[in-house]
Amino acid sequence: MLDMTDVLIGTLTALAVCSAVVHIRAEYRGPRYRVYVFKPLTMVFILLIAILLRRPGDSLYKYAIIAGLLCSLAGDIFLMLPSDRFIPGLASFLTAHLCYITAFTSATAFRFSYWPLAPFVLYGIVTFRILSPHLGKMRVPVVAYMLVILAMGWQAWERLIRTGQTGALLASVGAVLFIVSDTSLAVNRFRAQFKGGRVLTLGTYFAAQWFIALSVQQVALL
């Protein structure tokens, strides 16, 4: 028999998917007001998933994830405004990743293993070499952001290796998708726009946040 929480999570997931599709379509075809409405609305649905899920004995994890989602929502609002609010948006997402790092290290502490770290270091070097000639005055903030998001992904996988929990797996998948999303965003902004860039950026972004929200607790939905 399905628990009421599972029904609510399924409903919120369906609403988030529908809202995300409307938002992505509006990015290409308009009208613009749908971008302003459905991008934050999608994040609100994902945020509610994290709030509804219970995590007995590890409340810090849940609260840190919720804080990260709230910071991400703030970042979304900054980045979609007509005027350029890239730096406040970047700062909001950097804070979100710090919240996620706090969550991922809440029970296992900060871990340092070479094998989980290596692919993130390699990915960061390749990405930096691609973006570096085009960053200009944004080099320092972008590099700082890259270091934090890669550390977030690294610690998510460290937690998975140490615990083997389903929630840790969900968080790890979400972290990798987040890195892919931000790489796509950076390439589109600083190097060159490519066809389907916004679909890749937004699709992986919303999926990343959904996986991270679900990591608060393993649910019947999965």
N, C-alpha and C. Protein backbone atom coordinates (compact mmCIF):
# COMPACT_ATOMS: atom_id res chain seq x y z
N MET A 1 0.85 -1.20 0.00
CA MET A 1 0.00 0.00 0.00
C MET A 1 0.88 1.25 0.00
N LEU A 2 0.60 2.19 -0.89
CA LEU A 2 1.41 3.38 -1.00
C LEU A 2 1.21 4.31 0.19
N ASP A 3 2.32 4.82 0.69
CA ASP A 3 2.28 5.84 1.73
C ASP A 3 1.88 7.17 1.09
N MET A 4 1.16 8.01 1.87
CA MET A 4 0.72 9.29 1.34
C MET A 4 1.89 10.16 0.90
N THR A 5 3.02 10.04 1.62
CA THR A 5 4.20 10.82 1.24
C THR A 5 4.69 10.43 -0.15
N ASP A 6 4.66 9.13 -0.45
CA ASP A 6 5.08 8.66 -1.76
C ASP A 6 4.18 9.23 -2.86
N VAL A 7 2.88 9.28 -2.58
CA VAL A 7 1.93 9.85 -3.55
C VAL A 7 2.24 11.32 -3.79
N LEU A 8 2.52 12.05 -2.72
CA LEU A 8 2.82 13.47 -2.84
C LEU A 8 4.13 13.69 -3.61
N ILE A 9 5.13 12.84 -3.33
CA ILE A 9 6.41 12.97 -4.03
C ILE A 9 6.21 12.70 -5.53
N GLY A 10 5.42 11.67 -5.84
CA GLY A 10 5.14 11.38 -7.24
C GLY A 10 4.41 12.52 -7.93
N THR A 11 3.45 13.11 -7.23
CA THR A 11 2.69 14.24 -7.78
C THR A 11 3.60 15.44 -8.01
N LEU A 12 4.43 15.75 -7.02
CA LEU A 12 5.35 16.89 -7.15
C LEU A 12 6.36 16.66 -8.27
N THR A 13 6.80 15.42 -8.43
CA THR A 13 7.72 15.10 -9.52
C THR A 13 7.07 15.33 -10.87
N ALA A 14 5.82 14.87 -11.01
CA ALA A 14 5.09 15.08 -12.27
C ALA A 14 4.90 16.57 -12.54
N LEU A 15 4.57 17.33 -11.51
CA LEU A 15 4.40 18.77 -11.67
C LEU A 15 5.72 19.44 -12.05
N ALA A 16 6.82 18.99 -11.44
CA ALA A 16 8.13 19.55 -11.75
C ALA A 16 8.52 19.28 -13.20
N VAL A 17 8.24 18.06 -13.67
CA VAL A 17 8.55 17.71 -15.06
C VAL A 17 7.75 18.58 -16.02
N CYS A 18 6.45 18.71 -15.77
CA CYS A 18 5.59 19.53 -16.65
C CYS A 18 6.05 20.99 -16.64
N SER A 19 6.36 21.51 -15.46
CA SER A 19 6.81 22.89 -15.34
C SER A 19 8.13 23.10 -16.05
N ALA A 20 9.04 22.13 -15.92
CA ALA A 20 10.35 22.24 -16.58
C ALA A 20 10.20 22.24 -18.10
N VAL A 21 9.31 21.39 -18.62
CA VAL A 21 9.09 21.33 -20.07
C VAL A 21 8.54 22.66 -20.58
N VAL A 22 7.58 23.23 -19.86
CA VAL A 22 7.02 24.53 -20.27
C VAL A 22 8.10 25.60 -20.24
N HIS A 23 8.93 25.57 -19.21
CA HIS A 23 10.00 26.56 -19.10
C HIS A 23 10.99 26.45 -20.25
N ILE A 24 11.45 25.24 -20.53
CA ILE A 24 12.44 25.05 -21.59
C ILE A 24 11.86 25.46 -22.95
N ARG A 25 10.61 25.11 -23.19
CA ARG A 25 9.96 25.52 -24.44
C ARG A 25 9.89 27.05 -24.54
N ALA A 26 9.58 27.70 -23.40
CA ALA A 26 9.49 29.16 -23.39
C ALA A 26 10.84 29.81 -23.64
N GLU A 27 11.93 29.16 -23.25
CA GLU A 27 13.26 29.70 -23.51
C GLU A 27 13.51 29.85 -25.01
N TYR A 28 12.91 28.97 -25.79
CA TYR A 28 13.11 29.00 -27.24
C TYR A 28 12.02 29.78 -27.97
N ARG A 29 10.78 29.60 -27.54
CA ARG A 29 9.66 30.12 -28.31
C ARG A 29 8.86 31.22 -27.61
N GLY A 30 9.17 31.47 -26.32
CA GLY A 30 8.41 32.46 -25.58
C GLY A 30 7.02 31.92 -25.22
N PRO A 31 6.16 32.76 -24.68
CA PRO A 31 6.45 34.14 -24.27
C PRO A 31 7.37 34.20 -23.05
N ARG A 32 8.03 35.33 -22.89
CA ARG A 32 9.06 35.45 -21.87
C ARG A 32 8.52 35.30 -20.45
N TYR A 33 7.28 35.70 -20.23
CA TYR A 33 6.75 35.63 -18.87
C TYR A 33 6.70 34.19 -18.36
N ARG A 34 6.58 33.23 -19.29
CA ARG A 34 6.58 31.83 -18.86
C ARG A 34 7.94 31.41 -18.31
N VAL A 35 9.00 32.00 -18.81
CA VAL A 35 10.33 31.73 -18.26
C VAL A 35 10.38 32.20 -16.81
N TYR A 36 9.88 33.41 -16.58
CA TYR A 36 9.91 33.98 -15.24
C TYR A 36 9.03 33.21 -14.25
N VAL A 37 7.97 32.60 -14.76
CA VAL A 37 7.05 31.87 -13.89
C VAL A 37 7.51 30.43 -13.65
N PHE A 38 7.84 29.73 -14.73
CA PHE A 38 8.00 28.28 -14.62
C PHE A 38 9.40 27.83 -14.20
N LYS A 39 10.41 28.66 -14.38
CA LYS A 39 11.73 28.26 -13.88
C LYS A 39 11.74 28.19 -12.35
N PRO A 40 11.35 29.28 -11.66
CA PRO A 40 11.30 29.17 -10.19
C PRO A 40 10.24 28.19 -9.70
N LEU A 41 9.12 28.07 -10.44
CA LEU A 41 8.07 27.15 -10.02
C LEU A 41 8.58 25.71 -10.03
N THR A 42 9.38 25.36 -11.04
CA THR A 42 9.95 24.01 -11.08
C THR A 42 10.80 23.75 -9.86
N MET A 43 11.60 24.74 -9.47
CA MET A 43 12.45 24.57 -8.29
C MET A 43 11.63 24.51 -7.00
N VAL A 44 10.51 25.22 -6.97
CA VAL A 44 9.64 25.16 -5.79
C VAL A 44 9.10 23.74 -5.61
N PHE A 45 8.68 23.11 -6.70
CA PHE A 45 8.19 21.72 -6.62
C PHE A 45 9.29 20.78 -6.11
N ILE A 46 10.51 20.97 -6.62
CA ILE A 46 11.63 20.13 -6.18
C ILE A 46 11.97 20.40 -4.71
N LEU A 47 11.92 21.66 -4.32
CA LEU A 47 12.17 22.03 -2.93
C LEU A 47 11.15 21.36 -1.99
N LEU A 48 9.90 21.34 -2.40
CA LEU A 48 8.85 20.72 -1.59
C LEU A 48 9.10 19.22 -1.41
N ILE A 49 9.70 18.57 -2.41
CA ILE A 49 10.04 17.16 -2.28
C ILE A 49 11.01 16.96 -1.12
N ALA A 50 12.06 17.78 -1.09
CA ALA A 50 13.05 17.67 -0.02
C ALA A 50 12.44 17.97 1.35
N ILE A 51 11.52 18.92 1.39
CA ILE A 51 10.88 19.28 2.66
C ILE A 51 10.00 18.14 3.17
N LEU A 52 9.28 17.48 2.26
CA LEU A 52 8.34 16.43 2.66
C LEU A 52 9.04 15.16 3.11
N LEU A 53 10.19 14.85 2.52
CA LEU A 53 10.87 13.61 2.86
C LEU A 53 11.45 13.66 4.26
N ARG A 54 11.44 12.52 4.92
CA ARG A 54 11.96 12.43 6.28
C ARG A 54 13.32 11.76 6.26
N ARG A 55 14.20 12.22 7.13
CA ARG A 55 15.52 11.59 7.25
C ARG A 55 15.82 11.44 8.75
N PRO A 56 15.31 10.39 9.37
CA PRO A 56 15.51 10.19 10.81
C PRO A 56 16.98 10.08 11.16
N GLY A 57 17.38 10.80 12.20
CA GLY A 57 18.73 10.67 12.74
C GLY A 57 19.79 11.50 12.02
N ASP A 58 19.45 12.18 10.94
CA ASP A 58 20.44 12.99 10.22
C ASP A 58 19.77 14.25 9.69
N SER A 59 19.25 15.05 10.60
CA SER A 59 18.50 16.24 10.20
C SER A 59 19.39 17.27 9.53
N LEU A 60 20.69 17.29 9.87
CA LEU A 60 21.60 18.26 9.25
C LEU A 60 21.62 18.07 7.73
N TYR A 61 21.62 16.81 7.28
CA TYR A 61 21.63 16.53 5.85
C TYR A 61 20.42 17.17 5.18
N LYS A 62 19.25 16.94 5.73
CA LYS A 62 18.02 17.47 5.13
C LYS A 62 18.04 19.00 5.12
N TYR A 63 18.41 19.61 6.22
CA TYR A 63 18.39 21.07 6.28
C TYR A 63 19.42 21.68 5.34
N ALA A 64 20.57 21.04 5.21
CA ALA A 64 21.60 21.55 4.30
C ALA A 64 21.14 21.45 2.85
N ILE A 65 20.46 20.34 2.50
CA ILE A 65 19.94 20.19 1.14
C ILE A 65 18.87 21.25 0.87
N ILE A 66 17.98 21.47 1.81
CA ILE A 66 16.94 22.49 1.65
C ILE A 66 17.58 23.87 1.47
N ALA A 67 18.61 24.16 2.27
CA ALA A 67 19.31 25.45 2.14
C ALA A 67 19.94 25.57 0.76
N GLY A 68 20.53 24.48 0.27
CA GLY A 68 21.12 24.49 -1.06
C GLY A 68 20.10 24.73 -2.16
N LEU A 69 18.94 24.12 -2.02
CA LEU A 69 17.87 24.32 -3.00
C LEU A 69 17.35 25.76 -2.97
N LEU A 70 17.26 26.34 -1.79
CA LEU A 70 16.81 27.73 -1.67
C LEU A 70 17.83 28.68 -2.31
N CYS A 71 19.12 28.42 -2.09
CA CYS A 71 20.16 29.24 -2.72
C CYS A 71 20.12 29.08 -4.24
N SER A 72 19.85 27.86 -4.70
CA SER A 72 19.73 27.63 -6.14
C SER A 72 18.55 28.40 -6.72
N LEU A 73 17.44 28.42 -5.99
CA LEU A 73 16.27 29.18 -6.43
C LEU A 73 16.61 30.66 -6.56
N ALA A 74 17.36 31.17 -5.59
CA ALA A 74 17.80 32.57 -5.66
C ALA A 74 18.70 32.79 -6.88
N GLY A 75 19.60 31.83 -7.12
CA GLY A 75 20.48 31.93 -8.28
C GLY A 75 19.70 31.92 -9.59
N ASP A 76 18.67 31.08 -9.66
CA ASP A 76 17.83 31.04 -10.86
C ASP A 76 17.19 32.39 -11.13
N ILE A 77 16.71 33.02 -10.09
CA ILE A 77 16.04 34.31 -10.24
C ILE A 77 17.03 35.36 -10.73
N PHE A 78 18.24 35.38 -10.15
CA PHE A 78 19.25 36.34 -10.60
C PHE A 78 19.60 36.15 -12.07
N LEU A 79 19.78 34.89 -12.49
CA LEU A 79 20.26 34.61 -13.84
C LEU A 79 19.20 34.83 -14.91
N MET A 80 17.92 34.80 -14.54
CA MET A 80 16.90 34.96 -15.57
C MET A 80 16.40 36.40 -15.68
N LEU A 81 16.89 37.30 -14.82
CA LEU A 81 16.48 38.70 -14.90
C LEU A 81 17.00 39.33 -16.17
N PRO A 82 16.27 40.32 -16.71
CA PRO A 82 16.70 40.96 -17.96
C PRO A 82 18.07 41.60 -17.86
N SER A 83 18.37 42.26 -16.73
CA SER A 83 19.69 42.85 -16.55
C SER A 83 20.68 41.77 -16.12
N ASP A 84 21.95 42.01 -16.36
CA ASP A 84 22.98 40.99 -16.09
C ASP A 84 23.25 40.89 -14.59
N ARG A 85 22.84 39.79 -14.00
CA ARG A 85 23.08 39.52 -12.58
C ARG A 85 23.89 38.23 -12.45
N PHE A 86 24.90 38.10 -13.34
CA PHE A 86 25.66 36.85 -13.37
C PHE A 86 26.45 36.63 -12.08
N ILE A 87 27.08 37.68 -11.56
CA ILE A 87 27.89 37.54 -10.34
C ILE A 87 27.02 37.16 -9.14
N PRO A 88 25.89 37.87 -8.87
CA PRO A 88 25.02 37.41 -7.77
C PRO A 88 24.50 36.00 -7.98
N GLY A 89 24.20 35.65 -9.24
CA GLY A 89 23.75 34.29 -9.53
C GLY A 89 24.84 33.28 -9.24
N LEU A 90 26.05 33.61 -9.66
CA LEU A 90 27.20 32.72 -9.41
C LEU A 90 27.42 32.55 -7.92
N ALA A 91 27.33 33.64 -7.17
CA ALA A 91 27.52 33.58 -5.72
C ALA A 91 26.44 32.74 -5.05
N SER A 92 25.21 32.85 -5.54
CA SER A 92 24.11 32.06 -4.97
C SER A 92 24.34 30.57 -5.18
N PHE A 93 24.76 30.20 -6.38
CA PHE A 93 25.00 28.79 -6.66
C PHE A 93 26.25 28.27 -5.95
N LEU A 94 27.25 29.14 -5.81
CA LEU A 94 28.43 28.73 -5.04
C LEU A 94 28.04 28.41 -3.60
N THR A 95 27.18 29.26 -3.02
CA THR A 95 26.69 29.00 -1.67
C THR A 95 25.87 27.72 -1.62
N ALA A 96 25.09 27.46 -2.67
CA ALA A 96 24.31 26.22 -2.73
C ALA A 96 25.23 25.01 -2.69
N HIS A 97 26.32 25.07 -3.44
CA HIS A 97 27.25 23.93 -3.46
C HIS A 97 27.94 23.74 -2.10
N LEU A 98 28.21 24.83 -1.42
CA LEU A 98 28.77 24.72 -0.07
C LEU A 98 27.77 24.04 0.87
N CYS A 99 26.49 24.35 0.69
CA CYS A 99 25.44 23.67 1.48
C CYS A 99 25.41 22.18 1.16
N TYR A 100 25.52 21.85 -0.12
CA TYR A 100 25.51 20.44 -0.51
C TYR A 100 26.74 19.71 0.03
N ILE A 101 27.89 20.37 0.01
CA ILE A 101 29.09 19.76 0.60
C ILE A 101 28.88 19.50 2.08
N THR A 102 28.24 20.45 2.77
CA THR A 102 27.92 20.26 4.19
C THR A 102 27.04 19.03 4.38
N ALA A 103 26.05 18.86 3.50
CA ALA A 103 25.17 17.69 3.59
C ALA A 103 25.94 16.40 3.34
N PHE A 104 26.73 16.38 2.28
CA PHE A 104 27.41 15.15 1.88
C PHE A 104 28.49 14.72 2.88
N THR A 105 28.97 15.66 3.67
CA THR A 105 29.98 15.33 4.68
C THR A 105 29.41 15.30 6.10
N SER A 106 28.08 15.38 6.21
CA SER A 106 27.46 15.49 7.54
C SER A 106 27.66 14.26 8.40
N ALA A 107 27.72 13.08 7.79
CA ALA A 107 27.86 11.85 8.57
C ALA A 107 29.22 11.20 8.41
N THR A 108 29.93 11.56 7.34
CA THR A 108 31.20 10.88 7.06
C THR A 108 32.40 11.80 7.17
N ALA A 109 32.19 13.09 7.39
CA ALA A 109 33.25 14.10 7.43
C ALA A 109 33.87 14.24 6.04
N PHE A 110 34.72 15.23 5.88
CA PHE A 110 35.35 15.48 4.58
C PHE A 110 36.39 14.40 4.33
N ARG A 111 36.25 13.71 3.19
CA ARG A 111 37.12 12.57 2.88
C ARG A 111 38.07 12.93 1.74
N PHE A 112 39.26 12.33 1.78
CA PHE A 112 40.25 12.56 0.73
C PHE A 112 40.77 11.23 0.23
N SER A 113 40.32 10.85 -0.97
CA SER A 113 40.80 9.64 -1.63
C SER A 113 41.21 10.01 -3.04
N TYR A 114 42.34 9.50 -3.50
CA TYR A 114 42.86 9.90 -4.80
C TYR A 114 41.99 9.43 -5.96
N TRP A 115 41.49 8.19 -5.90
CA TRP A 115 40.76 7.65 -7.05
C TRP A 115 39.46 8.40 -7.31
N PRO A 116 38.64 8.69 -6.29
CA PRO A 116 37.43 9.48 -6.57
C PRO A 116 37.75 10.91 -7.00
N LEU A 117 38.87 11.44 -6.52
CA LEU A 117 39.22 12.82 -6.84
C LEU A 117 39.74 12.97 -8.27
N ALA A 118 40.48 11.98 -8.76
CA ALA A 118 41.19 12.09 -10.04
C ALA A 118 40.30 12.50 -11.22
N PRO A 119 39.13 11.84 -11.44
CA PRO A 119 38.32 12.24 -12.60
C PRO A 119 37.81 13.68 -12.51
N PHE A 120 37.55 14.16 -11.30
CA PHE A 120 37.09 15.54 -11.15
C PHE A 120 38.21 16.53 -11.45
N VAL A 121 39.43 16.20 -11.02
CA VAL A 121 40.58 17.05 -11.33
C VAL A 121 40.80 17.10 -12.84
N LEU A 122 40.77 15.94 -13.49
CA LEU A 122 40.97 15.88 -14.94
C LEU A 122 39.88 16.67 -15.66
N TYR A 123 38.63 16.50 -15.24
CA TYR A 123 37.52 17.22 -15.86
C TYR A 123 37.70 18.72 -15.68
N GLY A 124 38.13 19.14 -14.49
CA GLY A 124 38.33 20.56 -14.23
C GLY A 124 39.43 21.15 -15.10
N ILE A 125 40.52 20.41 -15.29
CA ILE A 125 41.63 20.89 -16.11
C ILE A 125 41.19 21.06 -17.56
N VAL A 126 40.50 20.06 -18.10
CA VAL A 126 40.03 20.13 -19.49
C VAL A 126 39.06 21.28 -19.67
N THR A 127 38.11 21.42 -18.74
CA THR A 127 37.13 22.50 -18.84
C THR A 127 37.79 23.86 -18.77
N PHE A 128 38.75 24.00 -17.87
CA PHE A 128 39.45 25.29 -17.73
C PHE A 128 40.21 25.64 -19.00
N ARG A 129 40.85 24.66 -19.59
CA ARG A 129 41.60 24.93 -20.83
C ARG A 129 40.68 25.36 -21.96
N ILE A 130 39.47 24.82 -21.98
CA ILE A 130 38.50 25.21 -23.01
C ILE A 130 38.00 26.64 -22.78
N LEU A 131 37.75 26.98 -21.52
CA LEU A 131 37.14 28.26 -21.20
C LEU A 131 38.14 29.40 -21.00
N SER A 132 39.34 29.07 -20.55
CA SER A 132 40.30 30.08 -20.11
C SER A 132 40.53 31.24 -21.07
N PRO A 133 40.71 31.00 -22.37
CA PRO A 133 40.97 32.14 -23.27
C PRO A 133 39.80 33.10 -23.39
N HIS A 134 38.63 32.72 -22.92
CA HIS A 134 37.42 33.52 -23.13
C HIS A 134 36.88 34.14 -21.83
N LEU A 135 37.55 33.93 -20.72
CA LEU A 135 36.99 34.35 -19.43
C LEU A 135 37.25 35.82 -19.11
N GLY A 136 38.39 36.33 -19.50
CA GLY A 136 38.70 37.73 -19.22
C GLY A 136 38.70 38.03 -17.73
N LYS A 137 37.96 39.08 -17.35
CA LYS A 137 37.90 39.48 -15.95
C LYS A 137 37.13 38.49 -15.07
N MET A 138 36.43 37.56 -15.70
CA MET A 138 35.65 36.57 -14.94
C MET A 138 36.48 35.35 -14.56
N ARG A 139 37.76 35.35 -14.88
CA ARG A 139 38.59 34.17 -14.64
C ARG A 139 38.58 33.75 -13.16
N VAL A 140 38.81 34.68 -12.25
CA VAL A 140 38.91 34.34 -10.82
C VAL A 140 37.60 33.81 -10.27
N PRO A 141 36.45 34.52 -10.45
CA PRO A 141 35.20 33.98 -9.91
C PRO A 141 34.80 32.65 -10.54
N VAL A 142 35.06 32.49 -11.84
CA VAL A 142 34.69 31.23 -12.50
C VAL A 142 35.55 30.09 -11.99
N VAL A 143 36.84 30.32 -11.82
CA VAL A 143 37.72 29.27 -11.29
C VAL A 143 37.32 28.90 -9.86
N ALA A 144 37.01 29.91 -9.04
CA ALA A 144 36.58 29.64 -7.67
C ALA A 144 35.32 28.79 -7.67
N TYR A 145 34.39 29.13 -8.54
CA TYR A 145 33.15 28.36 -8.64
C TYR A 145 33.43 26.93 -9.10
N MET A 146 34.30 26.78 -10.09
CA MET A 146 34.64 25.44 -10.58
C MET A 146 35.21 24.57 -9.47
N LEU A 147 36.08 25.14 -8.66
CA LEU A 147 36.70 24.37 -7.57
C LEU A 147 35.64 23.89 -6.58
N VAL A 148 34.68 24.76 -6.28
CA VAL A 148 33.66 24.41 -5.29
C VAL A 148 32.71 23.34 -5.85
N ILE A 149 32.26 23.50 -7.09
CA ILE A 149 31.31 22.52 -7.63
C ILE A 149 31.98 21.16 -7.85
N LEU A 150 33.24 21.18 -8.23
CA LEU A 150 33.96 19.90 -8.38
C LEU A 150 34.18 19.24 -7.03
N ALA A 151 34.44 20.05 -6.00
CA ALA A 151 34.56 19.49 -4.64
C ALA A 151 33.23 18.90 -4.19
N MET A 152 32.13 19.54 -4.57
CA MET A 152 30.80 19.03 -4.24
C MET A 152 30.59 17.65 -4.86
N GLY A 153 30.91 17.54 -6.16
CA GLY A 153 30.77 16.26 -6.83
C GLY A 153 31.67 15.20 -6.23
N TRP A 154 32.89 15.57 -5.95
CA TRP A 154 33.86 14.65 -5.35
C TRP A 154 33.37 14.10 -4.02
N GLN A 155 32.87 14.99 -3.14
CA GLN A 155 32.42 14.55 -1.82
C GLN A 155 31.14 13.72 -1.90
N ALA A 156 30.32 13.98 -2.91
CA ALA A 156 29.13 13.13 -3.10
C ALA A 156 29.55 11.70 -3.39
N TRP A 157 30.57 11.54 -4.26
CA TRP A 157 31.04 10.19 -4.59
C TRP A 157 31.82 9.56 -3.45
N GLU A 158 32.53 10.38 -2.67
CA GLU A 158 33.21 9.86 -1.48
C GLU A 158 32.18 9.26 -0.51
N ARG A 159 31.05 9.94 -0.36
CA ARG A 159 30.00 9.46 0.53
C ARG A 159 29.42 8.14 0.00
N LEU A 160 29.23 8.06 -1.31
CA LEU A 160 28.70 6.83 -1.89
C LEU A 160 29.66 5.67 -1.67
N ILE A 161 30.94 5.89 -1.92
CA ILE A 161 31.94 4.83 -1.74
C ILE A 161 31.98 4.37 -0.29
N ARG A 162 31.84 5.31 0.63
CA ARG A 162 31.95 4.96 2.05
C ARG A 162 30.68 4.29 2.59
N THR A 163 29.51 4.73 2.14
CA THR A 163 28.25 4.25 2.74
C THR A 163 27.52 3.23 1.88
N GLY A 164 27.61 3.37 0.54
CA GLY A 164 26.87 2.48 -0.35
C GLY A 164 25.37 2.67 -0.28
N GLN A 165 24.90 3.77 0.29
CA GLN A 165 23.48 4.01 0.44
C GLN A 165 22.84 4.46 -0.87
N THR A 166 21.56 4.11 -1.03
CA THR A 166 20.84 4.55 -2.22
C THR A 166 20.76 6.07 -2.28
N GLY A 167 20.54 6.68 -1.13
CA GLY A 167 20.49 8.14 -1.09
C GLY A 167 21.80 8.77 -1.55
N ALA A 168 22.93 8.14 -1.20
CA ALA A 168 24.23 8.64 -1.62
C ALA A 168 24.40 8.48 -3.13
N LEU A 169 23.86 7.40 -3.69
CA LEU A 169 23.90 7.21 -5.14
C LEU A 169 23.10 8.30 -5.85
N LEU A 170 21.91 8.59 -5.34
CA LEU A 170 21.08 9.65 -5.92
C LEU A 170 21.81 10.99 -5.89
N ALA A 171 22.44 11.29 -4.75
CA ALA A 171 23.18 12.54 -4.62
C ALA A 171 24.36 12.59 -5.59
N SER A 172 25.03 11.46 -5.78
CA SER A 172 26.18 11.40 -6.68
C SER A 172 25.77 11.64 -8.12
N VAL A 173 24.68 11.01 -8.53
CA VAL A 173 24.17 11.24 -9.90
C VAL A 173 23.78 12.69 -10.07
N GLY A 174 23.10 13.25 -9.08
CA GLY A 174 22.71 14.65 -9.13
C GLY A 174 23.90 15.58 -9.22
N ALA A 175 24.96 15.28 -8.46
CA ALA A 175 26.15 16.12 -8.48
C ALA A 175 26.81 16.13 -9.85
N VAL A 176 26.91 14.96 -10.48
CA VAL A 176 27.52 14.87 -11.81
C VAL A 176 26.67 15.62 -12.83
N LEU A 177 25.35 15.47 -12.76
CA LEU A 177 24.48 16.19 -13.68
C LEU A 177 24.60 17.70 -13.50
N PHE A 178 24.78 18.13 -12.25
CA PHE A 178 24.94 19.56 -11.98
C PHE A 178 26.21 20.08 -12.64
N ILE A 179 27.28 19.31 -12.56
CA ILE A 179 28.55 19.70 -13.19
C ILE A 179 28.38 19.79 -14.70
N VAL A 180 27.69 18.83 -15.29
CA VAL A 180 27.43 18.85 -16.73
C VAL A 180 26.62 20.09 -17.11
N SER A 181 25.60 20.38 -16.32
CA SER A 181 24.75 21.54 -16.59
C SER A 181 25.54 22.83 -16.56
N ASP A 182 26.36 23.01 -15.52
CA ASP A 182 27.12 24.25 -15.40
C ASP A 182 28.22 24.36 -16.45
N THR A 183 28.76 23.23 -16.87
CA THR A 183 29.74 23.26 -17.96
C THR A 183 29.07 23.73 -19.25
N SER A 184 27.89 23.20 -19.52
CA SER A 184 27.13 23.62 -20.71
C SER A 184 26.82 25.11 -20.66
N LEU A 185 26.41 25.58 -19.48
CA LEU A 185 26.10 27.00 -19.31
C LEU A 185 27.33 27.86 -19.56
N ALA A 186 28.48 27.43 -19.01
CA ALA A 186 29.70 28.21 -19.16
C ALA A 186 30.18 28.24 -20.61
N VAL A 187 30.11 27.11 -21.28
CA VAL A 187 30.53 27.07 -22.69
C VAL A 187 29.64 27.98 -23.53
N ASN A 188 28.34 27.96 -23.28
CA ASN A 188 27.40 28.81 -24.02
C ASN A 188 27.64 30.29 -23.75
N ARG A 189 28.00 30.60 -22.51
CA ARG A 189 28.17 32.01 -22.14
C ARG A 189 29.53 32.56 -22.58
N PHE A 190 30.58 31.79 -22.37
CA PHE A 190 31.92 32.34 -22.56
C PHE A 190 32.61 31.92 -23.85
N ARG A 191 32.24 30.79 -24.42
CA ARG A 191 32.92 30.33 -25.64
C ARG A 191 32.05 30.52 -26.87
N ALA A 192 31.05 29.70 -27.02
CA ALA A 192 30.16 29.82 -28.18
C ALA A 192 28.88 29.06 -27.91
N GLN A 193 27.77 29.64 -28.34
CA GLN A 193 26.50 28.95 -28.18
C GLN A 193 26.42 27.79 -29.16
N PHE A 194 25.81 26.71 -28.71
CA PHE A 194 25.64 25.56 -29.59
C PHE A 194 24.19 25.13 -29.57
N LYS A 195 23.75 24.54 -30.68
CA LYS A 195 22.36 24.15 -30.83
C LYS A 195 21.97 23.16 -29.75
N GLY A 196 20.88 23.42 -29.10
CA GLY A 196 20.43 22.53 -28.03
C GLY A 196 21.09 22.80 -26.70
N GLY A 197 21.88 23.87 -26.63
CA GLY A 197 22.61 24.18 -25.40
C GLY A 197 21.70 24.40 -24.21
N ARG A 198 20.63 25.15 -24.43
CA ARG A 198 19.73 25.43 -23.31
C ARG A 198 18.97 24.19 -22.85
N VAL A 199 18.64 23.31 -23.80
CA VAL A 199 17.99 22.05 -23.41
C VAL A 199 18.93 21.23 -22.53
N LEU A 200 20.20 21.13 -22.94
CA LEU A 200 21.18 20.38 -22.14
C LEU A 200 21.39 21.02 -20.78
N THR A 201 21.57 22.33 -20.76
CA THR A 201 21.82 23.03 -19.50
C THR A 201 20.65 22.87 -18.54
N LEU A 202 19.45 23.15 -19.01
CA LEU A 202 18.28 23.15 -18.13
C LEU A 202 17.81 21.73 -17.81
N GLY A 203 17.86 20.83 -18.79
CA GLY A 203 17.44 19.46 -18.53
C GLY A 203 18.29 18.78 -17.47
N THR A 204 19.62 18.92 -17.59
CA THR A 204 20.51 18.31 -16.59
C THR A 204 20.42 19.05 -15.26
N TYR A 205 20.17 20.35 -15.30
CA TYR A 205 20.05 21.12 -14.06
C TYR A 205 18.85 20.68 -13.23
N PHE A 206 17.69 20.63 -13.85
CA PHE A 206 16.49 20.24 -13.10
C PHE A 206 16.60 18.79 -12.63
N ALA A 207 17.14 17.91 -13.48
CA ALA A 207 17.33 16.51 -13.08
C ALA A 207 18.29 16.42 -11.90
N ALA A 208 19.36 17.22 -11.93
CA ALA A 208 20.34 17.22 -10.85
C ALA A 208 19.69 17.60 -9.52
N GLN A 209 18.91 18.67 -9.54
CA GLN A 209 18.27 19.12 -8.30
C GLN A 209 17.25 18.10 -7.81
N TRP A 210 16.57 17.44 -8.73
CA TRP A 210 15.59 16.42 -8.35
C TRP A 210 16.28 15.24 -7.67
N PHE A 211 17.37 14.76 -8.25
CA PHE A 211 18.11 13.65 -7.64
C PHE A 211 18.64 14.04 -6.26
N ILE A 212 19.17 15.25 -6.14
CA ILE A 212 19.71 15.70 -4.86
C ILE A 212 18.61 15.82 -3.82
N ALA A 213 17.44 16.34 -4.23
CA ALA A 213 16.31 16.43 -3.31
C ALA A 213 15.87 15.04 -2.85
N LEU A 214 15.80 14.10 -3.79
CA LEU A 214 15.38 12.72 -3.43
C LEU A 214 16.39 12.04 -2.53
N SER A 215 17.63 12.47 -2.55
CA SER A 215 18.65 11.84 -1.72
C SER A 215 18.40 12.02 -0.23
N VAL A 216 17.49 12.94 0.11
CA VAL A 216 17.14 13.13 1.52
C VAL A 216 16.64 11.82 2.11
N GLN A 217 15.98 11.03 1.31
CA GLN A 217 15.54 9.71 1.77
C GLN A 217 15.21 8.84 0.57
N GLN A 218 15.54 7.56 0.66
CA GLN A 218 15.14 6.63 -0.39
C GLN A 218 13.63 6.49 -0.36
N VAL A 219 12.97 6.66 -1.53
CA VAL A 219 11.52 6.62 -1.56
C VAL A 219 11.04 5.51 -2.50
N ALA A 220 9.80 5.11 -2.31
CA ALA A 220 9.23 4.02 -3.11
C ALA A 220 9.17 4.36 -4.58
N LEU A 221 9.14 5.68 -4.89
CA LEU A 221 9.05 6.14 -6.28
C LEU A 221 10.18 5.55 -7.11
N LEU A 222 11.35 5.37 -6.50
CA LEU A 222 12.49 4.84 -7.22
C LEU A 222 12.65 3.36 -7.00
